[in-house]
Protein backbone atom coordinates (compact mmCIF):
# COMPACT_ATOMS: atom_id res chain seq x y z
CA UNK A 1 -26.56 -27.23 -6.95
CA UNK A 2 -28.40 -23.94 -7.05
CA UNK A 3 -26.54 -21.38 -9.01
CA UNK A 4 -26.44 -17.87 -6.58
CA UNK A 5 -28.91 -15.29 -7.74
CA UNK A 6 -27.25 -11.96 -8.54
CA UNK A 7 -26.95 -9.17 -5.32
CA UNK A 8 -25.85 -6.87 -5.10
CA UNK A 9 -22.07 -7.28 -2.32
CA UNK A 10 -22.62 -3.90 -0.99
CA UNK A 11 -25.86 -4.80 0.25
CA UNK A 12 -26.11 -3.72 4.10
CA UNK A 13 -26.94 -6.70 6.52
CA UNK A 14 -30.21 -7.73 7.17
CA UNK A 15 -31.02 -7.73 11.02
CA UNK A 16 -33.17 -10.74 12.93
CA UNK A 17 -34.07 -11.04 16.54
CA UNK A 18 -33.37 -15.05 17.68
CA UNK A 19 -36.52 -15.17 18.72
CA UNK A 20 -37.14 -14.65 14.21
CA UNK A 21 -34.14 -16.45 13.36
CA UNK A 22 -35.26 -19.66 15.41
CA UNK A 23 -38.17 -19.81 13.24
CA UNK A 24 -37.31 -19.76 10.06
CA UNK A 25 -33.26 -21.02 10.39
CA UNK A 26 -33.72 -22.92 7.82
CA UNK A 27 -34.67 -20.24 5.36
CA UNK A 28 -31.97 -17.82 6.33
CA UNK A 29 -29.48 -20.92 5.87
CA UNK A 30 -31.46 -21.11 2.43
CA UNK A 31 -30.60 -17.32 1.71
CA UNK A 32 -27.54 -17.38 3.16
CA UNK A 33 -26.07 -20.46 0.15
CA UNK A 34 -28.65 -18.58 -2.54
CA UNK A 35 -27.62 -14.96 -2.52
CA UNK A 36 -24.20 -14.74 -0.58
CA UNK A 37 -26.32 -12.32 2.22
CA UNK A 38 -25.77 -12.58 5.72
CA UNK A 39 -28.00 -11.72 8.39
CA UNK A 40 -27.26 -10.61 11.84
CA UNK A 41 -28.83 -12.15 14.89
CA UNK A 42 -29.07 -9.74 17.50
CA UNK A 43 -30.83 -11.26 21.38
CA UNK A 44 -34.96 -10.26 21.63
CA UNK A 45 -35.10 -6.08 22.59
CA UNK A 46 -30.96 -5.57 21.89
CA UNK A 47 -30.09 -3.96 18.36
CA UNK A 48 -26.41 -5.15 18.85
CA UNK A 49 -25.32 -7.58 17.19
CA UNK A 50 -24.65 -11.52 19.42
CA UNK A 51 -23.97 -13.62 15.66
CA UNK A 52 -24.24 -13.76 11.79
CA UNK A 53 -25.81 -16.46 9.23
CA UNK A 54 -22.88 -15.70 6.86
CA UNK A 55 -22.28 -18.22 3.27
CA UNK A 56 -19.01 -20.99 4.33
CA UNK A 57 -17.31 -19.05 2.09
CA UNK A 58 -17.10 -16.04 4.37
CA UNK A 59 -16.56 -18.07 7.52
CA UNK A 60 -13.14 -18.96 8.53
CA UNK A 61 -11.62 -20.06 11.67
CA UNK A 62 -9.52 -18.04 13.97
CA UNK A 63 -6.73 -20.28 12.77
CA UNK A 64 -6.95 -19.33 8.59
CA UNK A 65 -7.82 -15.96 9.58
CA UNK A 66 -4.27 -15.77 11.92
CA UNK A 67 -2.24 -18.49 8.85
CA UNK A 68 -3.26 -15.55 6.04
CA UNK A 69 -2.71 -12.50 8.59
CA UNK A 70 1.27 -14.92 8.37
CA UNK A 71 1.83 -15.05 4.96
CA UNK A 72 0.19 -11.35 3.78
CA UNK A 73 3.12 -10.07 6.88
CA UNK A 74 5.87 -12.33 5.02
CA UNK A 75 5.49 -11.35 1.88
CA UNK A 76 5.04 -7.75 2.61
CA UNK A 77 8.00 -8.32 4.85
CA UNK A 78 10.17 -9.30 1.03
CA UNK A 79 8.52 -6.73 -0.29
CA UNK A 80 10.20 -4.54 2.59
CA UNK A 81 14.20 -5.77 2.48
CA UNK A 82 13.38 -6.15 -1.62
CA UNK A 83 12.27 -1.71 -1.64
CA UNK A 84 15.23 -1.00 0.54
CA UNK A 85 17.52 -3.26 -1.65
CA UNK A 86 16.10 -1.00 -4.00
CA UNK A 87 16.43 2.34 -2.59
CA UNK A 88 20.22 1.30 -1.63
CA UNK A 89 21.03 0.81 -4.93
CA UNK A 90 19.89 4.01 -6.29
CA UNK A 91 21.12 6.38 -4.04
CA UNK A 92 24.87 3.83 -4.80
CA UNK A 93 24.05 5.37 -8.24
CA UNK A 94 23.16 9.03 -7.74
CA UNK A 95 25.61 9.06 -5.41
CA UNK A 96 28.16 7.92 -8.23
CA UNK A 97 27.10 10.21 -11.01
CA UNK A 98 26.92 13.13 -8.81
CA UNK A 99 30.84 12.62 -8.04
CA UNK A 100 30.68 12.26 -11.93
CA UNK A 101 29.26 15.03 -12.67
CA UNK A 102 31.43 16.87 -10.01
CA UNK A 103 34.23 15.88 -11.04
CA UNK A 104 33.34 17.21 -14.37
CA UNK A 105 32.37 20.44 -13.29
CA UNK A 106 35.56 20.72 -11.46
CA UNK A 107 37.71 20.42 -14.74
CA UNK A 108 35.57 22.59 -16.88
CA UNK A 109 35.71 25.06 -14.26
CA UNK A 110 39.68 25.00 -14.36
CA UNK A 111 40.03 24.54 -17.98
CA UNK A 112 37.82 28.07 -18.05
CA UNK A 113 40.07 29.40 -15.18
CA UNK A 114 43.20 28.67 -17.65
CA UNK A 115 41.46 30.61 -20.10
CA UNK A 116 40.27 33.19 -18.75
CA UNK A 117 41.61 34.50 -15.36
CA UNK A 118 39.18 35.34 -12.37
CA UNK A 119 37.14 38.50 -12.27
CA UNK A 120 37.78 38.85 -16.52
CA UNK A 121 34.74 37.72 -17.66
CA UNK A 122 31.28 39.69 -15.65
CA UNK A 123 29.12 36.56 -17.12
CA UNK A 124 31.82 34.33 -16.50
CA UNK A 125 31.68 35.76 -12.28
CA UNK A 126 28.30 35.18 -12.19
CA UNK A 127 28.05 31.74 -13.25
CA UNK A 128 30.33 30.83 -11.26
CA UNK A 129 28.87 31.98 -8.70
CA UNK A 130 25.51 30.65 -9.70
CA UNK A 131 27.61 26.74 -9.51
CA UNK A 132 29.63 27.84 -5.53
CA UNK A 133 27.35 25.55 -4.16
CA UNK A 134 29.04 22.45 -6.69
CA UNK A 135 32.36 23.06 -6.22
CA UNK A 136 32.25 24.00 -2.50
CA UNK A 137 31.29 20.10 -2.53
């Protein structure tokens, strides 16, 4: 078996009218096999493609394509479920940490209120105003 020639992967497919493709079919098949090139066949006088000569590895049946799509959907759904579970777990962890910080902050403010009555220290009054939203929850 021959070794495929090195051809650029993004080379555009060549286009040939049906009449020419019919006379050069053996050559086009050999090119597809050896160089992984694609030849698009058009009707004589019509530039729209009607068929293609592709390497066998590139040709897939509709059933294979559907099976691949089904497997891809299963894998995607699995990852989606894992991401949702991770997001929920992260949310629960965040909520627990926020409750702990809020509780600690309330304890600190209770101790500050005990030591310095509200309104006695202007710096504490500004700090209390900055923490008002956290203290209200």
